[in-house]
């Protein structure tokens, strides 16, 4: 009668551990990849692809060790503060082709050290707070946004490392200076133009208008005063003319003594 050899304890232990590790690995992949995104292997790093998924907000269950995060071509309109602060290994973040209208000072908190590329192109961003992106060392794409060009935007751009391949496509949709509308903003700033001189010019114009107003009031008062006095003088003259003239007295001249 044949005998059945039992597996050695060490082999059984290794097999059990291997099965457990494989099971945990599968569970980990299934639990950490947000739906309906894909998380393929990206050169040994975690990459999360959520492009063209109709997302209206940033998924909350993005793996903490994500290196590449693609959220482009969705319907995201709002980025909450600290939405990516747990992604300390993130190197590339693509938020292009969404409906993002604003970014706050704490939107990209926690990404200052490692992020290398941030794509915000083709959104609806009008204003950029100076502290919103200034702490990032990443290359930033801001082209094709309806930016309102003002001094605050100029100060914010000077703090950024703009992507050279798209920097010429950053244009003013509206501006405090009409001549900037529709033109490449960075080119104009590099040529010596400034959006921060507008308040001084506006103040000077306001002062000139105020001075002109006061001057006009003084002239008007002088004219009124002269005309009023002329009218009083004319009336007084007419009054004097209307008075009856007194008869001249005739003293009799008598013969001398």
C-alpha atoms as a PDB file:
ATOM      1  CA  UNK A   1       0.000   0.000   0.000  1.00  0.00           C
ATOM      2  CA  UNK A   2       1.479   3.327  -1.036  1.00  0.00           C
ATOM      3  CA  UNK A   3       2.299   5.962   1.458  1.00  0.00           C
ATOM      4  CA  UNK A   4       1.437   9.664   1.260  1.00  0.00           C
ATOM      5  CA  UNK A   5       4.217  11.929   2.292  1.00  0.00           C
ATOM      6  CA  UNK A   6       3.199  14.914   4.312  1.00  0.00           C
ATOM      7  CA  UNK A   7       4.844  18.188   3.406  1.00  0.00           C
ATOM      8  CA  UNK A   8       7.632  19.264   5.580  1.00  0.00           C
ATOM      9  CA  UNK A   9       6.725  21.881   8.138  1.00  0.00           C
ATOM     10  CA  UNK A  10       9.134  24.411   6.636  1.00  0.00           C
ATOM     11  CA  UNK A  11       7.659  23.990   3.148  1.00  0.00           C
ATOM     12  CA  UNK A  12       4.157  24.278   4.540  1.00  0.00           C
ATOM     13  CA  UNK A  13       5.125  27.467   6.363  1.00  0.00           C
ATOM     14  CA  UNK A  14       6.666  28.997   3.260  1.00  0.00           C
ATOM     15  CA  UNK A  15       3.647  28.100   1.160  1.00  0.00           C
ATOM     16  CA  UNK A  16       1.301  29.560   3.727  1.00  0.00           C
ATOM     17  CA  UNK A  17       3.317  32.760   3.970  1.00  0.00           C
ATOM     18  CA  UNK A  18       3.471  33.076   0.191  1.00  0.00           C
ATOM     19  CA  UNK A  19      -0.269  32.656  -0.115  1.00  0.00           C
ATOM     20  CA  UNK A  20      -0.907  35.196   2.604  1.00  0.00           C
ATOM     21  CA  UNK A  21       1.452  37.724   1.075  1.00  0.00           C
ATOM     22  CA  UNK A  22      -0.124  37.276  -2.339  1.00  0.00           C
ATOM     23  CA  UNK A  23      -3.591  37.649  -0.849  1.00  0.00           C
ATOM     24  CA  UNK A  24      -2.604  40.764   1.055  1.00  0.00           C
ATOM     25  CA  UNK A  25      -1.009  42.215  -2.066  1.00  0.00           C
ATOM     26  CA  UNK A  26      -4.196  41.632  -4.056  1.00  0.00           C
ATOM     27  CA  UNK A  27      -6.357  43.065  -1.304  1.00  0.00           C
ATOM     28  CA  UNK A  28      -4.060  46.085  -1.063  1.00  0.00           C
ATOM     29  CA  UNK A  29      -4.324  46.785  -4.783  1.00  0.00           C
ATOM     30  CA  UNK A  30      -8.069  46.410  -4.738  1.00  0.00           C
ATOM     31  CA  UNK A  31      -8.517  48.571  -1.653  1.00  0.00           C
ATOM     32  CA  UNK A  32      -6.240  51.458  -2.538  1.00  0.00           C
ATOM     33  CA  UNK A  33      -7.013  52.117  -6.201  1.00  0.00           C
ATOM     34  CA  UNK A  34      -9.972  54.507  -6.279  1.00  0.00           C
ATOM     35  CA  UNK A  35     -12.913  53.706  -8.463  1.00  0.00           C
ATOM     36  CA  UNK A  36     -13.293  54.149 -11.376  1.00  0.00           C
ATOM     37  CA  UNK A  37      -9.556  54.807 -11.844  1.00  0.00           C
ATOM     38  CA  UNK A  38      -6.784  52.480 -13.013  1.00  0.00           C
ATOM     39  CA  UNK A  39      -3.580  51.847 -11.076  1.00  0.00           C
ATOM     40  CA  UNK A  40      -1.103  50.073 -13.374  1.00  0.00           C
ATOM     41  CA  UNK A  41       2.510  49.542 -12.509  1.00  0.00           C
ATOM     42  CA  UNK A  42       4.481  52.596 -13.573  1.00  0.00           C
ATOM     43  CA  UNK A  43       8.193  51.787 -13.569  1.00  0.00           C
ATOM     44  CA  UNK A  44       7.857  50.198 -10.145  1.00  0.00           C
ATOM     45  CA  UNK A  45       5.908  53.157  -8.714  1.00  0.00           C
ATOM     46  CA  UNK A  46       2.216  53.680  -8.044  1.00  0.00           C
ATOM     47  CA  UNK A  47       0.430  55.527 -10.849  1.00  0.00           C
ATOM     48  CA  UNK A  48      -3.248  56.454 -10.647  1.00  0.00           C
ATOM     49  CA  UNK A  49      -5.044  57.173 -13.925  1.00  0.00           C
ATOM     50  CA  UNK A  50      -8.436  58.861 -13.497  1.00  0.00           C
ATOM     51  CA  UNK A  51      -8.633  60.647 -16.865  1.00  0.00           C
ATOM     52  CA  UNK A  52     -11.984  60.946 -18.658  1.00  0.00           C
ATOM     53  CA  UNK A  53     -13.968  59.434 -15.798  1.00  0.00           C
ATOM     54  CA  UNK A  54     -16.571  62.176 -15.348  1.00  0.00           C
ATOM     55  CA  UNK A  55     -15.299  62.941 -11.842  1.00  0.00           C
ATOM     56  CA  UNK A  56     -16.747  66.018 -10.158  1.00  0.00           C
ATOM     57  CA  UNK A  57     -14.366  65.964  -7.203  1.00  0.00           C
ATOM     58  CA  UNK A  58     -10.962  64.609  -6.235  1.00  0.00           C
ATOM     59  CA  UNK A  59     -11.176  60.955  -5.065  1.00  0.00           C
ATOM     60  CA  UNK A  60     -10.510  60.541  -1.352  1.00  0.00           C
ATOM     61  CA  UNK A  61      -8.934  57.072  -1.420  1.00  0.00           C
ATOM     62  CA  UNK A  62      -5.854  57.786  -3.521  1.00  0.00           C
ATOM     63  CA  UNK A  63      -2.907  55.603  -2.392  1.00  0.00           C
ATOM     64  CA  UNK A  64      -0.495  57.460  -0.163  1.00  0.00           C
ATOM     65  CA  UNK A  65       2.507  56.265  -2.160  1.00  0.00           C
ATOM     66  CA  UNK A  66       1.177  57.553  -5.488  1.00  0.00           C
ATOM     67  CA  UNK A  67       3.852  59.068  -7.699  1.00  0.00           C
ATOM     68  CA  UNK A  68       1.784  59.955 -10.789  1.00  0.00           C
ATOM     69  CA  UNK A  69      -1.820  61.183 -10.541  1.00  0.00           C
ATOM     70  CA  UNK A  70      -3.851  61.892 -13.680  1.00  0.00           C
ATOM     71  CA  UNK A  71      -7.130  63.706 -13.030  1.00  0.00           C
ATOM     72  CA  UNK A  72      -7.351  65.483 -16.383  1.00  0.00           C
ATOM     73  CA  UNK A  73     -10.420  65.751 -18.633  1.00  0.00           C
ATOM     74  CA  UNK A  74     -12.997  65.534 -15.855  1.00  0.00           C
ATOM     75  CA  UNK A  75     -15.605  67.902 -14.393  1.00  0.00           C
ATOM     76  CA  UNK A  76     -13.785  68.934 -11.218  1.00  0.00           C
ATOM     77  CA  UNK A  77     -14.668  72.515 -10.281  1.00  0.00           C
ATOM     78  CA  UNK A  78     -13.483  72.749  -6.670  1.00  0.00           C
ATOM     79  CA  UNK A  79     -10.235  71.733  -4.994  1.00  0.00           C
ATOM     80  CA  UNK A  80     -10.620  71.528  -1.197  1.00  0.00           C
ATOM     81  CA  UNK A  81      -7.790  72.602   1.057  1.00  0.00           C
ATOM     82  CA  UNK A  82      -5.339  69.789   1.708  1.00  0.00           C
ATOM     83  CA  UNK A  83      -6.820  67.519  -0.948  1.00  0.00           C
ATOM     84  CA  UNK A  84      -3.354  66.091  -1.712  1.00  0.00           C
ATOM     85  CA  UNK A  85      -1.525  66.587   1.573  1.00  0.00           C
ATOM     86  CA  UNK A  86      -1.166  62.838   2.221  1.00  0.00           C
ATOM     87  CA  UNK A  87       0.581  62.242  -1.116  1.00  0.00           C
ATOM     88  CA  UNK A  88       4.123  62.908   0.046  1.00  0.00           C
ATOM     89  CA  UNK A  89       5.670  60.917  -2.835  1.00  0.00           C
ATOM     90  CA  UNK A  90       3.676  62.601  -5.582  1.00  0.00           C
ATOM     91  CA  UNK A  91       5.854  63.844  -8.440  1.00  0.00           C
ATOM     92  CA  UNK A  92       3.357  64.679 -11.183  1.00  0.00           C
ATOM     93  CA  UNK A  93      -0.204  65.993 -10.837  1.00  0.00           C
ATOM     94  CA  UNK A  94      -2.352  66.577 -13.916  1.00  0.00           C
ATOM     95  CA  UNK A  95      -5.527  68.629 -13.369  1.00  0.00           C
ATOM     96  CA  UNK A  96      -5.827  70.004 -16.887  1.00  0.00           C
ATOM     97  CA  UNK A  97      -9.086  70.186 -18.872  1.00  0.00           C
ATOM     98  CA  UNK A  98     -11.369  70.517 -15.876  1.00  0.00           C
ATOM     99  CA  UNK A  99     -13.660  73.283 -14.618  1.00  0.00           C
ATOM    100  CA  UNK A 100     -11.526  74.515 -11.711  1.00  0.00           C
ATOM    101  CA  UNK A 101     -12.447  78.120 -10.920  1.00  0.00           C
ATOM    102  CA  UNK A 102     -10.186  78.953  -7.979  1.00  0.00           C
ATOM    103  CA  UNK A 103      -7.256  77.690  -5.950  1.00  0.00           C
ATOM    104  CA  UNK A 104      -6.601  78.576  -2.333  1.00  0.00           C
ATOM    105  CA  UNK A 105      -3.446  79.050  -0.275  1.00  0.00           C
ATOM    106  CA  UNK A 106      -3.799  75.536   1.215  1.00  0.00           C
ATOM    107  CA  UNK A 107      -4.977  73.657  -1.898  1.00  0.00           C
ATOM    108  CA  UNK A 108      -1.593  72.051  -2.550  1.00  0.00           C
ATOM    109  CA  UNK A 109      -0.386  71.867   1.031  1.00  0.00           C
ATOM    110  CA  UNK A 110       2.077  69.037   1.612  1.00  0.00           C
ATOM    111  CA  UNK A 111       3.391  68.947  -1.965  1.00  0.00           C
ATOM    112  CA  UNK A 112       6.083  71.608  -1.703  1.00  0.00           C
ATOM    113  CA  UNK A 113       9.033  69.235  -1.401  1.00  0.00           C
ATOM    114  CA  UNK A 114       8.558  66.550  -4.022  1.00  0.00           C
ATOM    115  CA  UNK A 115       6.160  67.696  -6.743  1.00  0.00           C
ATOM    116  CA  UNK A 116       7.890  68.186 -10.098  1.00  0.00           C
ATOM    117  CA  UNK A 117       5.019  69.011 -12.469  1.00  0.00           C
ATOM    118  CA  UNK A 118       1.615  70.601 -11.858  1.00  0.00           C
ATOM    119  CA  UNK A 119      -0.690  71.000 -14.849  1.00  0.00           C
ATOM    120  CA  UNK A 120      -3.579  73.457 -14.330  1.00  0.00           C
ATOM    121  CA  UNK A 121      -4.050  74.386 -17.980  1.00  0.00           C
ATOM    122  CA  UNK A 122      -7.462  74.532 -19.669  1.00  0.00           C
ATOM    123  CA  UNK A 123      -9.465  75.405 -16.571  1.00  0.00           C
ATOM    124  CA  UNK A 124     -11.519  78.428 -15.447  1.00  0.00           C
ATOM    125  CA  UNK A 125      -9.025  80.009 -13.071  1.00  0.00           C
ATOM    126  CA  UNK A 126      -9.284  83.809 -12.951  1.00  0.00           C
ATOM    127  CA  UNK A 127      -7.111  84.727  -9.986  1.00  0.00           C
ATOM    128  CA  UNK A 128      -4.094  83.116  -8.326  1.00  0.00           C
ATOM    129  CA  UNK A 129      -3.323  84.047  -4.706  1.00  0.00           C
ATOM    130  CA  UNK A 130       0.336  84.787  -4.141  1.00  0.00           C
ATOM    131  CA  UNK A 131       0.678  82.054  -1.502  1.00  0.00           C
ATOM    132  CA  UNK A 132      -1.257  79.386  -3.411  1.00  0.00           C
ATOM    133  CA  UNK A 133       1.596  78.146  -5.624  1.00  0.00           C
ATOM    134  CA  UNK A 134       4.627  80.102  -4.469  1.00  0.00           C
ATOM    135  CA  UNK A 135       5.940  77.375  -2.177  1.00  0.00           C
ATOM    136  CA  UNK A 136       5.977  74.740  -4.913  1.00  0.00           C
ATOM    137  CA  UNK A 137       9.227  73.904  -6.683  1.00  0.00           C
ATOM    138  CA  UNK A 138       7.388  72.182  -9.540  1.00  0.00           C
ATOM    139  CA  UNK A 139       7.043  73.346 -13.112  1.00  0.00           C
ATOM    140  CA  UNK A 140       3.550  74.799 -13.466  1.00  0.00           C
ATOM    141  CA  UNK A 141       1.299  75.006 -16.514  1.00  0.00           C
ATOM    142  CA  UNK A 142      -1.316  77.767 -16.432  1.00  0.00           C
ATOM    143  CA  UNK A 143      -2.129  78.280 -20.097  1.00  0.00           C
ATOM    144  CA  UNK A 144      -5.674  78.636 -21.413  1.00  0.00           C
ATOM    145  CA  UNK A 145      -7.248  79.984 -18.248  1.00  0.00           C
ATOM    146  CA  UNK A 146      -9.451  83.142 -18.239  1.00  0.00           C
ATOM    147  CA  UNK A 147      -6.973  85.035 -16.064  1.00  0.00           C
ATOM    148  CA  UNK A 148      -7.714  88.514 -14.771  1.00  0.00           C
ATOM    149  CA  UNK A 149      -4.427  90.372 -15.094  1.00  0.00           C
ATOM    150  CA  UNK A 150      -3.696  92.595 -12.128  1.00  0.00           C
ATOM    151  CA  UNK A 151      -0.831  93.405  -9.796  1.00  0.00           C
ATOM    152  CA  UNK A 152      -1.559  90.401  -7.556  1.00  0.00           C
ATOM    153  CA  UNK A 153      -1.259  88.036 -10.526  1.00  0.00           C
ATOM    154  CA  UNK A 154       2.010  89.618 -11.606  1.00  0.00           C
ATOM    155  CA  UNK A 155       3.459  89.199  -8.119  1.00  0.00           C
ATOM    156  CA  UNK A 156       2.276  85.579  -8.012  1.00  0.00           C
ATOM    157  CA  UNK A 157       3.807  84.705 -11.390  1.00  0.00           C
ATOM    158  CA  UNK A 158       7.220  86.062 -10.395  1.00  0.00           C
ATOM    159  CA  UNK A 159       7.300  83.428  -7.617  1.00  0.00           C
ATOM    160  CA  UNK A 160       6.502  80.477  -9.915  1.00  0.00           C
ATOM    161  CA  UNK A 161       8.583  78.148 -12.037  1.00  0.00           C
ATOM    162  CA  UNK A 162       6.465  78.268 -15.175  1.00  0.00           C
ATOM    163  CA  UNK A 163       6.694  75.530 -17.774  1.00  0.00           C
ATOM    164  CA  UNK A 164       8.703  77.028 -20.667  1.00  0.00           C
ATOM    165  CA  UNK A 165       6.790  74.996 -23.282  1.00  0.00           C
ATOM    166  CA  UNK A 166       3.457  76.659 -22.433  1.00  0.00           C
ATOM    167  CA  UNK A 167       4.427  79.989 -20.873  1.00  0.00           C
ATOM    168  CA  UNK A 168       3.678  81.943 -24.070  1.00  0.00           C
ATOM    169  CA  UNK A 169       0.095  80.666 -23.996  1.00  0.00           C
ATOM    170  CA  UNK A 170      -0.680  82.414 -20.698  1.00  0.00           C
ATOM    171  CA  UNK A 171      -2.848  85.357 -21.764  1.00  0.00           C
ATOM    172  CA  UNK A 172      -5.088  87.919 -20.122  1.00  0.00           C
ATOM    173  CA  UNK A 173      -8.823  87.365 -20.488  1.00  0.00           C
ATOM    174  CA  UNK A 174      -9.532  90.601 -18.624  1.00  0.00           C
ATOM    175  CA  UNK A 175      -7.143  93.185 -17.248  1.00  0.00           C
ATOM    176  CA  UNK A 176      -6.888  96.409 -15.282  1.00  0.00           C
ATOM    177  CA  UNK A 177      -5.038  97.691 -18.345  1.00  0.00           C
ATOM    178  CA  UNK A 178      -6.928  97.209 -21.572  1.00  0.00           C
ATOM    179  CA  UNK A 179      -3.783  96.851 -23.662  1.00  0.00           C
ATOM    180  CA  UNK A 180      -2.953  93.520 -21.959  1.00  0.00           C
ATOM    181  CA  UNK A 181      -6.190  91.761 -22.970  1.00  0.00           C
ATOM    182  CA  UNK A 182      -5.592  88.847 -25.338  1.00  0.00           C
ATOM    183  CA  UNK A 183      -1.806  89.210 -25.312  1.00  0.00           C
ATOM    184  CA  UNK A 184       0.841  86.841 -23.884  1.00  0.00           C
ATOM    185  CA  UNK A 185       1.277  88.098 -20.341  1.00  0.00           C
ATOM    186  CA  UNK A 186       4.795  86.901 -19.574  1.00  0.00           C
ATOM    187  CA  UNK A 187       6.146  88.369 -22.814  1.00  0.00           C
ATOM    188  CA  UNK A 188       4.686  91.755 -21.899  1.00  0.00           C
ATOM    189  CA  UNK A 189       6.128  91.590 -18.389  1.00  0.00           C
ATOM    190  CA  UNK A 190       9.532  90.564 -19.719  1.00  0.00           C
ATOM    191  CA  UNK A 191       9.418  93.570 -22.044  1.00  0.00           C
ATOM    192  CA  UNK A 192       9.157  95.892 -19.046  1.00  0.00           C
ATOM    193  CA  UNK A 193       5.397  96.338 -18.738  1.00  0.00           C
ATOM    194  CA  UNK A 194       3.924  96.370 -15.252  1.00  0.00           C
ATOM    195  CA  UNK A 195       0.474  95.788 -13.839  1.00  0.00           C
ATOM    196  CA  UNK A 196       1.472  97.127 -10.441  1.00  0.00           C
ATOM    197  CA  UNK A 197       1.809 100.748 -11.618  1.00  0.00           C
ATOM    198  CA  UNK A 198      -1.911 100.994 -12.292  1.00  0.00           C
ATOM    199  CA  UNK A 199      -2.951 101.982  -8.742  1.00  0.00           C
ATOM    200  CA  UNK A 200      -0.519 104.920  -8.789  1.00  0.00           C
ATOM    201  CA  UNK A 201      -1.795 106.070 -12.144  1.00  0.00           C
ATOM    202  CA  UNK A 202      -5.356 105.743 -10.976  1.00  0.00           C
ATOM    203  CA  UNK A 203      -4.575 107.807  -7.885  1.00  0.00           C
ATOM    204  CA  UNK A 204      -2.902 110.497  -9.974  1.00  0.00           C
ATOM    205  CA  UNK A 205      -5.878 110.682 -12.306  1.00  0.00           C
ATOM    206  CA  UNK A 206      -8.256 110.889  -9.368  1.00  0.00           C
ATOM    207  CA  UNK A 207      -6.236 113.734  -7.863  1.00  0.00           C
ATOM    208  CA  UNK A 208      -6.232 115.603 -11.174  1.00  0.00           C
ATOM    209  CA  UNK A 209      -9.978 115.167 -11.542  1.00  0.00           C
ATOM    210  CA  UNK A 210     -10.533 116.385  -7.984  1.00  0.00           C
ATOM    211  CA  UNK A 211      -8.301 119.411  -8.500  1.00  0.00           C
ATOM    212  CA  UNK A 212     -10.039 120.246 -11.756  1.00  0.00           C
ATOM    213  CA  UNK A 213     -13.406 119.973 -10.002  1.00  0.00           C
ATOM    214  CA  UNK A 214     -12.350 122.358  -7.257  1.00  0.00           C
ATOM    215  CA  UNK A 215     -10.890 124.765  -9.806  1.00  0.00           C
ATOM    216  CA  UNK A 216     -14.132 124.712 -11.795  1.00  0.00           C
ATOM    217  CA  UNK A 217     -16.122 125.397  -8.634  1.00  0.00           C
ATOM    218  CA  UNK A 218     -13.923 128.392  -7.773  1.00  0.00           C
ATOM    219  CA  UNK A 219     -14.252 129.818 -11.283  1.00  0.00           C
ATOM    220  CA  UNK A 220     -18.003 129.295 -11.205  1.00  0.00           C
ATOM    221  CA  UNK A 221     -18.249 131.061  -7.855  1.00  0.00           C
ATOM    222  CA  UNK A 222     -16.189 134.004  -9.102  1.00  0.00           C
ATOM    223  CA  UNK A 223     -18.349 134.320 -12.216  1.00  0.00           C
ATOM    224  CA  UNK A 224     -21.494 134.125 -10.122  1.00  0.00           C
ATOM    225  CA  UNK A 225     -20.144 136.689  -7.673  1.00  0.00           C
ATOM    226  CA  UNK A 226     -19.184 139.150 -10.433  1.00  0.00           C
ATOM    227  CA  UNK A 227     -22.484 138.752 -12.249  1.00  0.00           C
ATOM    228  CA  UNK A 228     -24.425 139.114  -9.037  1.00  0.00           C
ATOM    229  CA  UNK A 229     -22.556 142.294  -8.126  1.00  0.00           C
ATOM    230  CA  UNK A 230     -23.021 143.643 -11.641  1.00  0.00           C
ATOM    231  CA  UNK A 231     -26.732 143.048 -11.369  1.00  0.00           C
ATOM    232  CA  UNK A 232     -26.883 144.794  -8.004  1.00  0.00           C
ATOM    233  CA  UNK A 233     -24.884 147.723  -9.388  1.00  0.00           C
ATOM    234  CA  UNK A 234     -27.192 147.979 -12.409  1.00  0.00           C
ATOM    235  CA  UNK A 235     -30.284 147.952 -10.239  1.00  0.00           C
ATOM    236  CA  UNK A 236     -28.813 150.569  -7.953  1.00  0.00           C
ATOM    237  CA  UNK A 237     -27.956 152.768 -10.940  1.00  0.00           C
ATOM    238  CA  UNK A 238     -31.439 152.413 -12.339  1.00  0.00           C
ATOM    239  CA  UNK A 239     -32.842 153.287  -8.955  1.00  0.00           C
ATOM    240  CA  UNK A 240     -30.772 156.444  -8.816  1.00  0.00           C
ATOM    241  CA  UNK A 241     -31.871 157.417 -12.286  1.00  0.00           C
ATOM    242  CA  UNK A 242     -35.486 156.959 -11.350  1.00  0.00           C
ATOM    243  CA  UNK A 243     -35.234 159.471  -8.500  1.00  0.00           C
ATOM    244  CA  UNK A 244     -36.607 163.025  -9.349  1.00  0.00           C
ATOM    245  CA  UNK A 245     -33.856 165.560  -9.743  1.00  0.00           C
ATOM    246  CA  UNK A 246     -33.845 168.351  -7.112  1.00  0.00           C
ATOM    247  CA  UNK A 247     -34.448 171.944  -8.505  1.00  0.00           C
ATOM    248  CA  UNK A 248     -31.456 174.255  -8.374  1.00  0.00           C
ATOM    249  CA  UNK A 249     -31.783 177.017  -5.738  1.00  0.00           C
ATOM    250  CA  UNK A 250     -31.530 180.641  -7.030  1.00  0.00           C
ATOM    251  CA  UNK A 251     -30.297 183.166  -4.536  1.00  0.00           C
ATOM    252  CA  UNK A 252     -31.423 186.774  -5.379  1.00  0.00           C
ATOM    253  CA  UNK A 253     -28.573 189.066  -6.016  1.00  0.00           C
ATOM    254  CA  UNK A 254     -29.413 192.353  -4.559  1.00  0.00           C
ATOM    255  CA  UNK A 255     -27.730 195.691  -5.220  1.00  0.00           C
ATOM    256  CA  UNK A 256     -24.754 196.357  -3.192  1.00  0.00           C
ATOM    257  CA  UNK A 257     -24.839 198.737  -0.309  1.00  0.00           C
END
